[in-house]
Amino acid sequence: MARRFLILLLALLPAPALAKGGIVSAADPRAAAAGAEILRAGGSAADAAIATMLALNVVEPQSAGIGGGAFIVFHEAKTKRIVTIDGREAAPAAADMRWFFGPDGQPLPKGQAIPGGRSVGVPGTLRAMAMAHRRFGKLPWARLFQPAIRLAQGFDVSPRLNRSLTQQANLLRDNAWVHGVFYQPDGTPKPVGTRIVNADFAATLRRVAAQGADSFYVGPQAQRIAATVNGATRNPSKMTPGDLASYDAKERTPVCQTYRAYRVCGIAPPSSGVVAVLLILKQLERFDLKALGKDSPTAWHLIAESERLAYADRDMFVGDPDFVSVPVAGLLDPAYLARRSALIAPDRTMAEVRAGEPAGAPPRVRAEPQEVHGTTSLAAADRQGNVATVTTTIESPFGSGLTVDGFFLNNELTDFDLAPVKDGYLVANRVEGGKRPRSSMAPLIAYGPDGQVRVAIGAAGGSTIIAQVAKALIGTLDWGLSVQDAIALPLIYAPGKTAVLEAGTPLEAMAPALKALGETVQVAPLGLKMNGIERVNGTWAGGADPRSEGVVLGEDGKPLGAFSRVRLNPKGPQE
């Protein structure tokens, strides 16, 4: 009987979905399908990532788009080089330290600073896309826009989009275009499943597809963006068309560090994400996390303690390296990391957490994290083994609430510390003209001992991104989990004294044990979203956060579950 039951159970399980070629993991199935379509057409991982980003702009407009910014990390299989592209938004030239001060001469509360024009940074996404395409693209630029153009001509409202429209009704209250497209006449969001047509954005996409990224930054498009933010009812800006014309994406030297037998590389400042992830990992390296396992309260306590130290350092020292001295080498120095790690104990919690004193660090003060939960991430690999991982954002849900030609404009400048001085010191992440605000986004690639890509991953969710990515890497590299199961792990988020345990997960049940170790804990829901891919024994597998609407698709467009694999073709596509 037991044997017959086992046979029946195995028969009911879904068969592994196998396909030759590449893979895409994204936060929406329609966006993942866009990337898979480009891979089938012979596109590179960079091409697929660009098509996926454009499609996400259509179906997930609350999270990302061409009105925002992006960080792109690309592994080139032929040369084994890793290239990182900074498409972070920049402050207008007119911005100064008092950019977010109110009439009373005091910094605005963040909630008041977000709506309207003053929070909008010069968008960087299209410039980053164009740089990635020039370097690593195979298909024509215009071909990458076709899936998104089709979607803009008609797509259905998802549950996540409906929730965001409900939650952000106040931000969007003055935007007549948004209400005409996304809301019903009675002022409620269009229900899940309602067909949306964004004809304005379809026209924008056609124009940029035909004329290139320059058409966004120079000419009528740039003039409309400047006019929109400067004429905003709330918090008008002082952006000029020249601010857009002078914007460039930047190739940054990747930040790399070893973790056990692996080498982890990703985007450098102005993102603090990868630096902070590396701090967390390296401070934990002396502990046997594998032996402790994922069900150990001690393991999660150690992770929380390491997070506290890493967040303290990133808040104190990281900003735009073109404006402030960021001591990356000092932070990642083995001797410094050993001193920080020595503060962590498995049987007690630190009484106080302060930033350290890495070599090369000027005197500064810690500022409070400013980010909120928005953003989206994706990962793609092509037949040749090239890999792209991208995190892209407009910051808060629907950004500033302003729109131009069918897309939302970011509120990224509220990622700056709104108060430029604390305890008599200028903070590293203060507002300055042309400066890029600090980010927590952490797209990265971990390489195995054989030098091959092991994991490519990224996350969304404001400053929780750092904790999410570190947790997922520990899950795959220490606990031997699939990337899918590592993404699905619960989160402990400890940017300060209180450790937030993700509600409704096994961590909630560990609260008494963590309190016994001295932890101050809070149980709460966390807005989390991750996407990643992994290479195991010559195959690609993917993971998409079960908390999100994300999926993993093979190049053939078929879904790939946690136990599915996409067989690599080392020879690549036929010419």
Protein backbone atom coordinates (compact mmCIF):
# COMPACT_ATOMS: atom_id res chain seq x y z
CA MET A 1 0.00 0.00 0.00
CA ALA A 2 2.76 2.44 0.96
CA ARG A 3 4.62 1.68 -2.25
CA ARG A 4 1.49 2.26 -4.38
CA PHE A 5 0.89 5.57 -2.53
CA LEU A 6 4.47 6.68 -3.22
CA ILE A 7 4.11 5.83 -6.91
CA LEU A 8 0.84 7.79 -7.06
CA LEU A 9 2.41 10.78 -5.25
CA LEU A 10 5.35 10.86 -7.64
CA ALA A 11 2.98 10.71 -10.59
CA LEU A 12 1.10 13.73 -9.30
CA LEU A 13 4.22 15.86 -8.88
CA PRO A 14 4.94 18.21 -11.81
CA ALA A 15 7.63 16.93 -14.12
CA PRO A 16 10.76 19.07 -14.25
CA ALA A 17 10.51 21.67 -17.00
CA LEU A 18 13.63 21.35 -19.13
CA ALA A 19 14.65 23.59 -21.97
CA LYS A 20 17.80 24.44 -23.83
CA GLY A 21 19.00 28.00 -23.78
CA GLY A 22 18.68 30.85 -21.34
CA ILE A 23 16.58 31.78 -18.36
CA VAL A 24 14.82 34.83 -16.92
CA SER A 25 13.59 35.52 -13.39
CA ALA A 26 11.43 38.62 -12.93
CA ALA A 27 8.80 40.03 -10.61
CA ASP A 28 5.96 39.69 -13.14
CA PRO A 29 5.29 36.80 -15.54
CA ARG A 30 4.59 39.13 -18.45
CA ALA A 31 7.95 40.83 -17.99
CA ALA A 32 9.74 37.48 -17.71
CA ALA A 33 8.00 36.43 -20.94
CA ALA A 34 9.37 39.53 -22.66
CA GLY A 35 12.90 38.56 -21.69
CA ALA A 36 12.37 34.96 -22.78
CA GLU A 37 11.08 36.16 -26.15
CA ILE A 38 14.27 38.13 -26.70
CA LEU A 39 16.42 35.14 -25.75
CA ARG A 40 14.53 32.97 -28.28
CA ALA A 41 15.23 35.60 -30.93
CA GLY A 42 18.97 35.18 -30.29
CA GLY A 43 19.38 38.08 -27.91
CA SER A 44 22.02 38.26 -25.21
CA ALA A 45 21.41 38.31 -21.46
CA ALA A 46 21.78 42.10 -21.65
CA ASP A 47 19.13 42.28 -24.37
CA ALA A 48 16.79 40.11 -22.32
CA ALA A 49 17.35 42.22 -19.22
CA ILE A 50 16.54 45.43 -21.12
CA ALA A 51 13.35 43.97 -22.60
CA THR A 52 12.33 42.71 -19.16
CA MET A 53 12.95 46.14 -17.60
CA LEU A 54 10.83 47.85 -20.25
CA ALA A 55 8.00 45.36 -19.76
CA LEU A 56 8.14 45.83 -15.99
CA ASN A 57 7.68 49.56 -16.59
CA VAL A 58 4.34 48.74 -18.22
CA VAL A 59 2.91 46.09 -15.88
CA GLU A 60 4.57 47.15 -12.62
CA PRO A 61 4.60 50.96 -13.07
CA GLN A 62 4.53 51.51 -9.32
CA SER A 63 7.98 49.98 -8.90
CA ALA A 64 10.29 50.97 -11.73
CA GLY A 65 10.63 52.41 -15.18
CA ILE A 66 12.38 54.83 -17.49
CA GLY A 67 11.46 57.65 -15.12
CA GLY A 68 13.81 56.18 -12.51
CA GLY A 69 17.22 54.57 -12.20
CA ALA A 70 18.98 51.22 -12.30
CA PHE A 71 22.13 49.31 -11.45
CA ILE A 72 23.20 46.65 -13.95
CA VAL A 73 25.73 43.89 -13.23
CA PHE A 74 26.87 41.84 -16.24
CA HIS A 75 29.10 38.77 -16.42
CA GLU A 76 30.68 38.25 -19.83
CA ALA A 77 31.21 34.52 -20.29
CA LYS A 78 33.87 34.80 -23.00
CA THR A 79 36.25 37.03 -21.03
CA LYS A 80 34.97 36.16 -17.53
CA ARG A 81 34.82 39.90 -16.89
CA ILE A 82 32.21 41.50 -14.66
CA VAL A 83 30.98 44.95 -15.66
CA THR A 84 28.80 47.15 -13.44
CA ILE A 85 26.81 50.11 -14.73
CA ASP A 86 25.52 52.92 -12.52
CA GLY A 87 22.28 54.40 -13.83
CA ARG A 88 21.36 56.00 -10.51
CA GLU A 89 19.35 59.22 -10.68
CA ALA A 90 21.12 62.53 -10.03
CA ALA A 91 20.11 65.75 -8.32
CA PRO A 92 19.59 68.81 -10.54
CA ALA A 93 22.49 71.26 -10.61
CA ALA A 94 20.42 73.75 -8.62
CA ALA A 95 20.08 71.37 -5.66
CA ASP A 96 21.87 72.31 -2.45
CA MET A 97 21.95 71.18 1.17
CA ARG A 98 18.69 73.03 1.89
CA TRP A 99 16.85 71.41 -1.03
CA PHE A 100 14.30 69.77 1.28
CA PHE A 101 13.94 72.56 3.83
CA GLY A 102 10.51 74.01 4.53
CA PRO A 103 9.45 77.65 5.07
CA ASP A 104 10.34 77.28 8.75
CA GLY A 105 13.99 76.66 7.87
CA GLN A 106 13.84 73.02 8.99
CA PRO A 107 14.10 69.81 6.92
CA LEU A 108 10.73 68.56 5.72
CA PRO A 109 9.40 65.27 7.13
CA LYS A 110 10.01 62.62 4.51
CA GLY A 111 6.31 62.06 3.90
CA GLN A 112 5.96 65.72 2.93
CA ALA A 113 9.10 65.72 0.78
CA ILE A 114 8.06 62.81 -1.48
CA PRO A 115 5.08 64.20 -3.47
CA GLY A 116 5.71 66.54 -6.37
CA GLY A 117 8.73 67.85 -8.19
CA ARG A 118 11.45 68.46 -5.62
CA SER A 119 12.01 64.73 -5.00
CA VAL A 120 12.57 63.90 -8.68
CA GLY A 121 16.11 63.07 -9.74
CA VAL A 122 17.32 63.10 -13.34
CA PRO A 123 16.32 59.60 -14.58
CA GLY A 124 19.16 57.23 -15.41
CA THR A 125 17.53 53.98 -16.54
CA LEU A 126 17.60 54.57 -20.29
CA ARG A 127 21.21 55.75 -20.27
CA ALA A 128 22.16 52.58 -18.35
CA MET A 129 20.21 50.44 -20.82
CA ALA A 130 21.90 52.12 -23.76
CA MET A 131 25.36 51.56 -22.29
CA ALA A 132 24.61 47.89 -21.61
CA HIS A 133 23.26 47.46 -25.13
CA ARG A 134 26.29 49.09 -26.75
CA ARG A 135 28.62 46.85 -24.76
CA PHE A 136 26.78 43.55 -24.72
CA GLY A 137 23.70 43.68 -26.94
CA LYS A 138 23.20 41.49 -30.00
CA LEU A 139 19.74 42.36 -31.30
CA PRO A 140 18.82 45.81 -32.65
CA TRP A 141 17.85 48.33 -29.98
CA ALA A 142 14.32 48.74 -31.38
CA ARG A 143 13.65 44.98 -31.19
CA LEU A 144 13.99 45.07 -27.41
CA PHE A 145 11.03 47.46 -27.13
CA GLN A 146 8.52 45.34 -29.02
CA PRO A 147 7.21 43.23 -26.09
CA ALA A 148 6.70 46.31 -23.91
CA ILE A 149 4.94 48.19 -26.71
CA ARG A 150 2.51 45.28 -27.12
CA LEU A 151 1.86 45.23 -23.39
CA ALA A 152 1.23 48.99 -23.28
CA GLN A 153 -1.49 48.47 -25.86
CA GLY A 154 -3.36 46.29 -23.39
CA PHE A 155 -2.52 44.51 -20.11
CA ASP A 156 -4.53 43.35 -17.11
CA VAL A 157 -4.36 44.86 -13.62
CA SER A 158 -2.57 42.48 -11.25
CA PRO A 159 -3.37 42.13 -7.53
CA ARG A 160 -0.13 43.91 -6.60
CA LEU A 161 -0.86 46.86 -8.90
CA ASN A 162 -4.41 47.09 -7.55
CA ARG A 163 -3.12 47.16 -3.96
CA SER A 164 -0.59 49.86 -4.78
CA LEU A 165 -3.24 52.01 -6.45
CA THR A 166 -5.40 51.66 -3.34
CA GLN A 167 -2.58 52.43 -0.91
CA GLN A 168 -1.22 55.42 -2.85
CA ALA A 169 -4.50 57.15 -3.62
CA ASN A 170 -3.45 60.29 -1.74
CA LEU A 171 -0.14 60.59 -3.59
CA LEU A 172 -1.94 60.26 -6.94
CA ARG A 173 -4.98 62.38 -6.09
CA ASP A 174 -3.99 65.36 -8.24
CA ASN A 175 -2.86 63.40 -11.30
CA ALA A 176 -5.71 63.52 -13.82
CA TRP A 177 -3.89 61.29 -16.31
CA VAL A 178 -3.41 58.55 -13.71
CA HIS A 179 -7.08 58.70 -12.74
CA GLY A 180 -8.11 58.45 -16.38
CA VAL A 181 -6.01 55.34 -16.98
CA PHE A 182 -5.90 53.43 -13.68
CA TYR A 183 -8.98 54.53 -11.69
CA GLN A 184 -12.74 54.23 -12.12
CA PRO A 185 -15.04 57.29 -12.27
CA ASP A 186 -15.89 56.84 -8.57
CA GLY A 187 -12.22 57.24 -7.66
CA THR A 188 -11.52 53.59 -6.82
CA PRO A 189 -8.77 51.64 -8.60
CA LYS A 190 -9.77 49.53 -11.55
CA PRO A 191 -10.36 45.95 -10.33
CA VAL A 192 -7.93 43.08 -10.75
CA GLY A 193 -8.20 41.72 -14.29
CA THR A 194 -9.32 45.00 -15.86
CA ARG A 195 -7.64 45.67 -19.18
CA ILE A 196 -5.47 48.81 -19.13
CA VAL A 197 -4.33 50.61 -22.26
CA ASN A 198 -1.42 53.03 -21.81
CA ALA A 199 -1.37 54.59 -25.25
CA ASP A 200 0.85 57.48 -24.15
CA PHE A 201 3.57 55.14 -22.96
CA ALA A 202 3.29 53.01 -26.11
CA ALA A 203 4.00 56.19 -28.11
CA THR A 204 6.96 57.03 -25.86
CA LEU A 205 8.40 53.54 -26.30
CA ARG A 206 8.02 53.73 -30.09
CA ARG A 207 9.83 57.07 -30.15
CA VAL A 208 12.74 55.92 -27.98
CA ALA A 209 12.95 52.65 -29.91
CA ALA A 210 13.26 54.53 -33.20
CA GLN A 211 15.37 57.50 -32.06
CA GLY A 212 17.48 56.03 -29.26
CA ALA A 213 18.02 57.02 -25.65
CA ASP A 214 19.22 60.50 -26.64
CA SER A 215 15.64 61.40 -27.62
CA PHE A 216 14.71 61.09 -23.94
CA TYR A 217 17.48 63.35 -22.65
CA VAL A 218 17.56 66.06 -25.33
CA GLY A 219 14.69 67.90 -26.99
CA PRO A 220 10.94 67.93 -26.34
CA GLN A 221 10.92 64.93 -23.99
CA ALA A 222 13.50 66.50 -21.67
CA GLN A 223 11.66 69.82 -21.81
CA ARG A 224 8.39 68.14 -20.79
CA ILE A 225 10.07 66.41 -17.83
CA ALA A 226 11.59 69.68 -16.61
CA ALA A 227 8.31 71.54 -17.08
CA THR A 228 6.39 68.86 -15.16
CA VAL A 229 8.63 68.86 -12.09
CA ASN A 230 9.02 72.63 -12.03
CA GLY A 231 5.29 73.21 -12.42
CA ALA A 232 4.25 70.63 -9.82
CA THR A 233 1.53 71.72 -7.40
CA ARG A 234 3.45 70.21 -4.51
CA ASN A 235 7.17 70.90 -3.95
CA PRO A 236 8.09 72.41 -7.35
CA SER A 237 11.67 71.76 -8.51
CA LYS A 238 14.35 73.71 -10.36
CA MET A 239 15.39 71.08 -12.91
CA THR A 240 16.52 72.27 -16.33
CA PRO A 241 16.65 70.48 -19.70
CA GLY A 242 20.41 70.86 -19.36
CA ASP A 243 20.33 68.62 -16.29
CA LEU A 244 18.93 65.84 -18.45
CA ALA A 245 21.22 66.52 -21.41
CA SER A 246 24.31 66.28 -19.22
CA TYR A 247 23.36 63.02 -17.51
CA ASP A 248 25.52 59.95 -18.22
CA ALA A 249 25.46 56.41 -16.91
CA LYS A 250 28.80 55.41 -15.41
CA GLU A 251 30.75 52.19 -15.47
CA ARG A 252 31.91 51.58 -11.91
CA THR A 253 34.72 49.30 -10.80
CA PRO A 254 32.98 46.31 -9.22
CA VAL A 255 33.24 45.70 -5.51
CA CYS A 256 34.51 42.15 -4.92
CA GLN A 257 35.35 40.09 -1.86
CA THR A 258 35.74 36.42 -1.02
CA TYR A 259 33.30 34.56 1.20
CA ARG A 260 34.53 31.11 2.13
CA ALA A 261 35.28 29.39 -1.20
CA TYR A 262 33.29 31.92 -3.22
CA ARG A 263 33.97 35.31 -4.78
CA VAL A 264 31.14 37.82 -4.58
CA CYS A 265 31.05 40.86 -6.87
CA GLY A 266 28.55 43.63 -7.48
CA ILE A 267 27.79 47.30 -7.80
CA ALA A 268 29.95 49.87 -6.01
CA PRO A 269 28.87 53.14 -4.36
CA PRO A 270 26.76 55.20 -4.67
CA SER A 271 24.99 51.97 -3.83
CA SER A 272 25.72 50.79 -0.33
CA GLY A 273 24.05 47.44 -0.96
CA VAL A 274 26.86 45.16 -2.05
CA VAL A 275 29.38 46.72 0.35
CA ALA A 276 26.97 46.10 3.24
CA VAL A 277 26.22 42.54 2.09
CA LEU A 278 29.94 41.79 1.99
CA LEU A 279 30.37 43.24 5.48
CA ILE A 280 27.61 40.96 6.78
CA LEU A 281 29.09 37.88 5.15
CA LYS A 282 32.71 38.51 6.10
CA GLN A 283 31.82 39.26 9.72
CA LEU A 284 30.05 35.88 9.83
CA GLU A 285 32.77 33.92 8.07
CA ARG A 286 34.41 32.69 11.30
CA PHE A 287 31.15 31.07 12.45
CA ASP A 288 30.09 27.61 11.23
CA LEU A 289 26.71 28.60 9.85
CA LYS A 290 26.47 25.34 7.92
CA ALA A 291 26.64 23.31 11.12
CA LEU A 292 24.11 25.58 12.84
CA GLY A 293 21.63 25.36 9.96
CA LYS A 294 18.61 27.40 9.02
CA ASP A 295 16.50 26.20 11.96
CA SER A 296 18.92 27.49 14.60
CA PRO A 297 17.98 30.64 16.56
CA THR A 298 21.71 31.11 17.19
CA ALA A 299 22.35 31.33 13.44
CA TRP A 300 19.69 34.00 12.99
CA HIS A 301 21.00 35.88 16.04
CA LEU A 302 24.49 35.93 14.50
CA ILE A 303 23.03 37.22 11.23
CA ALA A 304 21.17 39.98 13.07
CA GLU A 305 24.30 41.07 14.92
CA SER A 306 26.32 41.21 11.73
CA GLU A 307 23.57 43.21 10.04
CA ARG A 308 23.67 45.80 12.83
CA LEU A 309 27.38 46.39 12.35
CA ALA A 310 27.07 46.54 8.56
CA TYR A 311 24.14 48.97 8.58
CA ALA A 312 25.98 51.22 11.04
CA ASP A 313 28.99 51.39 8.73
CA ARG A 314 27.01 51.87 5.55
CA ASP A 315 24.89 54.64 7.10
CA MET A 316 27.99 56.43 8.34
CA PHE A 317 30.38 56.14 5.42
CA VAL A 318 28.69 55.46 2.07
CA GLY A 319 27.63 58.15 -0.39
CA ASP A 320 28.35 59.19 -3.98
CA PRO A 321 32.10 58.61 -4.47
CA ASP A 322 32.25 61.48 -6.94
CA PHE A 323 31.42 63.84 -4.07
CA VAL A 324 32.62 62.21 -0.84
CA SER A 325 35.46 59.90 0.10
CA VAL A 326 34.00 56.42 0.58
CA PRO A 327 36.45 54.10 2.41
CA VAL A 328 35.51 50.89 0.56
CA ALA A 329 39.02 49.42 0.87
CA GLY A 330 39.12 50.21 4.58
CA LEU A 331 35.70 48.69 5.19
CA LEU A 332 36.68 45.46 3.41
CA ASP A 333 40.17 45.23 4.91
CA PRO A 334 40.59 41.81 6.61
CA ALA A 335 42.00 43.30 9.80
CA TYR A 336 39.12 45.75 10.09
CA LEU A 337 36.56 43.01 9.43
CA ALA A 338 38.20 40.81 12.07
CA ARG A 339 37.83 43.60 14.63
CA ARG A 340 34.19 44.07 13.76
CA SER A 341 33.50 40.34 13.78
CA ALA A 342 35.05 40.04 17.24
CA LEU A 343 32.17 42.16 18.55
CA ILE A 344 29.72 39.36 17.68
CA ALA A 345 29.07 36.57 20.18
CA PRO A 346 26.77 33.56 19.74
CA ASP A 347 25.41 33.74 23.31
CA ARG A 348 24.63 37.43 23.78
CA THR A 349 23.61 40.61 21.98
CA MET A 350 25.75 43.72 21.74
CA ALA A 351 24.70 46.39 24.22
CA GLU A 352 25.55 49.16 21.78
CA VAL A 353 26.33 49.31 18.08
CA ARG A 354 28.46 52.03 16.55
CA ALA A 355 30.10 52.53 13.21
CA GLY A 356 33.72 51.47 13.14
CA GLU A 357 36.86 53.33 12.19
CA PRO A 358 38.01 51.92 8.84
CA ALA A 359 41.16 53.23 7.24
CA GLY A 360 40.59 56.23 5.01
CA ALA A 361 37.36 57.31 6.69
CA PRO A 362 36.90 61.03 7.37
CA PRO A 363 35.02 62.01 10.55
CA ARG A 364 31.28 61.73 9.98
CA VAL A 365 28.08 61.02 11.83
CA ARG A 366 25.56 58.30 11.26
CA ALA A 367 22.33 59.36 9.58
CA GLU A 368 19.00 57.59 9.62
CA PRO A 369 18.17 55.35 6.61
CA GLN A 370 15.80 57.14 4.24
CA GLU A 371 14.64 54.46 1.81
CA VAL A 372 11.14 53.06 1.51
CA HIS A 373 9.86 49.86 -0.04
CA GLY A 374 9.62 50.09 -3.81
CA THR A 375 11.88 48.79 -6.59
CA THR A 376 12.08 45.59 -8.63
CA SER A 377 14.81 43.14 -9.60
CA LEU A 378 15.51 40.59 -12.32
CA ALA A 379 18.16 38.15 -13.50
CA ALA A 380 18.82 36.61 -16.91
CA ALA A 381 21.30 34.26 -18.56
CA ASP A 382 21.73 33.47 -22.24
CA ARG A 383 22.89 30.41 -24.17
CA GLN A 384 26.54 31.43 -24.06
CA GLY A 385 26.51 31.73 -20.27
CA ASN A 386 26.44 35.53 -20.12
CA VAL A 387 24.56 36.72 -17.04
CA ALA A 388 22.81 39.97 -16.15
CA THR A 389 21.32 40.93 -12.82
CA VAL A 390 19.54 44.25 -12.46
CA THR A 391 17.85 46.21 -9.71
CA THR A 392 15.80 49.16 -10.91
CA THR A 393 13.51 51.60 -9.15
CA ILE A 394 11.48 54.80 -9.01
CA GLU A 395 11.87 54.65 -5.18
CA SER A 396 8.47 54.81 -3.42
CA PRO A 397 5.41 53.18 -5.00
CA PHE A 398 4.60 55.43 -7.99
CA GLY A 399 7.61 57.60 -7.15
CA SER A 400 6.80 61.30 -6.88
CA GLY A 401 3.26 60.77 -8.18
CA LEU A 402 4.11 62.81 -11.29
CA THR A 403 3.85 61.42 -14.81
CA VAL A 404 5.09 62.43 -18.25
CA ASP A 405 4.07 60.74 -21.49
CA GLY A 406 2.70 57.65 -19.77
CA PHE A 407 5.44 56.90 -17.21
CA PHE A 408 6.03 57.84 -13.58
CA LEU A 409 8.83 60.08 -12.36
CA ASN A 410 10.92 58.93 -9.41
CA ASN A 411 11.18 60.40 -5.93
CA GLU A 412 14.77 59.21 -5.62
CA LEU A 413 16.16 62.41 -4.11
CA THR A 414 14.45 61.54 -0.82
CA ASP A 415 17.08 58.81 -0.55
CA PHE A 416 19.42 61.64 0.43
CA ASP A 417 19.61 62.52 4.11
CA LEU A 418 17.24 65.47 4.23
CA ALA A 419 19.12 67.07 7.12
CA PRO A 420 22.67 67.77 5.86
CA VAL A 421 24.28 68.31 9.26
CA LYS A 422 24.20 66.16 12.36
CA ASP A 423 26.13 66.76 15.58
CA GLY A 424 28.14 69.45 13.84
CA TYR A 425 29.28 67.27 10.91
CA LEU A 426 28.20 67.20 7.28
CA VAL A 427 26.70 63.79 6.51
CA ALA A 428 28.10 61.85 3.57
CA ASN A 429 24.70 61.42 1.90
CA ARG A 430 23.64 65.08 1.95
CA VAL A 431 22.03 66.72 -1.09
CA GLU A 432 24.36 68.38 -3.61
CA GLY A 433 23.85 69.42 -7.22
CA GLY A 434 24.64 66.58 -9.64
CA LYS A 435 25.10 64.08 -6.81
CA ARG A 436 23.57 60.60 -6.78
CA PRO A 437 21.79 59.51 -3.59
CA ARG A 438 22.93 56.48 -1.64
CA SER A 439 21.04 53.29 -2.45
CA SER A 440 20.60 49.89 -0.81
CA MET A 441 20.16 48.12 -4.15
CA ALA A 442 22.50 45.13 -4.32
CA PRO A 443 22.55 43.25 -7.62
CA LEU A 444 25.48 40.86 -7.40
CA ILE A 445 27.04 37.67 -8.72
CA ALA A 446 28.71 34.99 -6.62
CA TYR A 447 31.36 32.85 -8.33
CA GLY A 448 32.14 29.29 -7.33
CA PRO A 449 35.61 27.84 -6.66
CA ASP A 450 35.77 26.90 -10.36
CA GLY A 451 35.41 30.54 -11.38
CA GLN A 452 31.97 29.94 -12.88
CA VAL A 453 28.87 31.91 -11.95
CA ARG A 454 27.22 30.22 -9.00
CA VAL A 455 24.41 32.66 -8.14
CA ALA A 456 23.15 35.95 -9.61
CA ILE A 457 20.62 37.70 -7.42
CA GLY A 458 18.97 40.95 -6.41
CA ALA A 459 16.07 42.22 -4.34
CA ALA A 460 13.56 45.01 -3.83
CA GLY A 461 12.32 46.51 -0.60
CA GLY A 462 14.30 49.60 0.41
CA SER A 463 16.94 49.05 3.05
CA THR A 464 15.71 45.47 3.63
CA ILE A 465 17.42 44.66 0.30
CA ILE A 466 20.75 44.28 2.09
CA ALA A 467 19.37 41.78 4.61
CA GLN A 468 17.44 39.91 1.91
CA VAL A 469 20.45 39.40 -0.36
CA ALA A 470 22.75 38.41 2.52
CA LYS A 471 20.15 35.91 3.76
CA ALA A 472 19.73 34.36 0.31
CA LEU A 473 23.48 33.98 -0.17
CA ILE A 474 23.82 32.31 3.23
CA GLY A 475 20.96 30.02 2.20
CA THR A 476 22.63 28.92 -1.00
CA LEU A 477 26.33 29.03 -0.08
CA ASP A 478 26.17 27.87 3.56
CA TRP A 479 22.96 25.90 3.91
CA GLY A 480 22.99 24.25 0.49
CA LEU A 481 19.51 25.40 -0.50
CA SER A 482 18.33 25.98 -4.03
CA VAL A 483 18.13 29.64 -4.98
CA GLN A 484 14.35 29.29 -4.89
CA ASP A 485 14.34 27.96 -1.34
CA ALA A 486 16.94 30.51 -0.24
CA ILE A 487 14.80 33.36 -1.57
CA ALA A 488 11.79 31.89 0.22
CA LEU A 489 13.59 31.81 3.58
CA PRO A 490 12.15 34.16 6.20
CA LEU A 491 13.94 37.41 6.95
CA ILE A 492 15.45 38.87 10.07
CA TYR A 493 16.04 42.60 9.55
CA ALA A 494 18.20 44.34 12.13
CA PRO A 495 19.36 47.79 10.98
CA GLY A 496 19.50 48.90 14.61
CA LYS A 497 18.77 47.64 18.11
CA THR A 498 15.44 46.01 17.21
CA ALA A 499 15.44 42.87 15.09
CA VAL A 500 12.30 42.63 12.96
CA LEU A 501 11.16 39.03 12.45
CA GLU A 502 9.04 38.39 9.37
CA ALA A 503 5.50 37.66 10.51
CA GLY A 504 3.91 34.33 9.69
CA THR A 505 7.24 32.53 9.26
CA PRO A 506 9.30 30.09 11.36
CA LEU A 507 11.27 33.08 12.67
CA GLU A 508 8.20 34.24 14.56
CA ALA A 509 8.30 31.04 16.60
CA MET A 510 11.97 31.69 17.39
CA ALA A 511 11.19 34.98 19.14
CA PRO A 512 11.48 33.55 22.70
CA ALA A 513 14.83 31.91 21.92
CA LEU A 514 16.13 35.11 20.35
CA LYS A 515 14.99 37.15 23.34
CA ALA A 516 16.89 34.74 25.57
CA LEU A 517 20.02 35.71 23.62
CA GLY A 518 19.37 39.37 24.43
CA GLU A 519 17.64 40.31 21.19
CA THR A 520 14.98 43.01 21.17
CA VAL A 521 12.52 41.63 18.66
CA GLN A 522 9.48 42.84 16.80
CA VAL A 523 7.27 40.62 14.65
CA ALA A 524 5.94 42.40 11.58
CA PRO A 525 5.17 41.84 7.90
CA LEU A 526 7.96 42.90 5.57
CA GLY A 527 7.56 44.02 1.95
CA LEU A 528 10.01 41.63 0.27
CA LYS A 529 10.69 40.70 -3.34
CA MET A 530 13.67 38.83 -4.77
CA ASN A 531 14.70 37.24 -8.06
CA GLY A 532 17.75 35.16 -8.90
CA ILE A 533 19.28 32.39 -10.94
CA GLU A 534 21.90 29.77 -10.11
CA ARG A 535 24.21 27.44 -11.98
CA VAL A 536 24.38 23.89 -10.66
CA ASN A 537 26.24 21.07 -12.44
CA GLY A 538 26.09 22.75 -15.83
CA THR A 539 22.44 23.78 -15.60
CA TRP A 540 20.54 26.98 -14.90
CA ALA A 541 17.85 27.10 -12.24
CA GLY A 542 15.91 30.10 -11.03
CA GLY A 543 14.12 31.51 -8.05
CA ALA A 544 11.30 34.02 -7.71
CA ASP A 545 9.98 35.27 -4.41
CA PRO A 546 6.78 33.46 -3.36
CA ARG A 547 5.75 36.72 -1.64
CA SER A 548 5.57 38.38 -5.07
CA GLU A 549 3.99 37.76 -8.46
CA GLY A 550 7.40 36.75 -9.84
CA VAL A 551 8.21 33.74 -11.98
CA VAL A 552 11.14 32.00 -13.63
CA LEU A 553 10.88 31.19 -17.33
CA GLY A 554 13.11 29.24 -19.64
CA GLU A 555 13.99 30.63 -23.02
CA ASP A 556 11.09 28.64 -24.46
CA GLY A 557 8.70 30.60 -22.25
CA LYS A 558 7.84 27.65 -20.02
CA PRO A 559 7.78 28.12 -16.23
CA LEU A 560 10.66 26.62 -14.30
CA GLY A 561 10.00 25.53 -10.73
CA ALA A 562 12.35 25.20 -7.83
CA PHE A 563 13.56 21.77 -8.99
CA SER A 564 13.74 22.59 -12.70
CA ARG A 565 16.88 23.11 -14.67
CA VAL A 566 17.76 24.73 -18.00
CA ARG A 567 20.59 22.87 -19.70
CA LEU A 568 23.38 25.15 -20.84
CA ASN A 569 24.48 24.98 -24.45
CA PRO A 570 28.22 25.72 -24.26
CA LYS A 571 28.44 26.26 -28.00
CA GLY A 572 25.74 28.90 -27.94
CA PRO A 573 23.18 29.47 -30.69
CA GLN A 574 23.90 28.55 -34.28
CA GLU A 575 24.95 31.49 -36.40
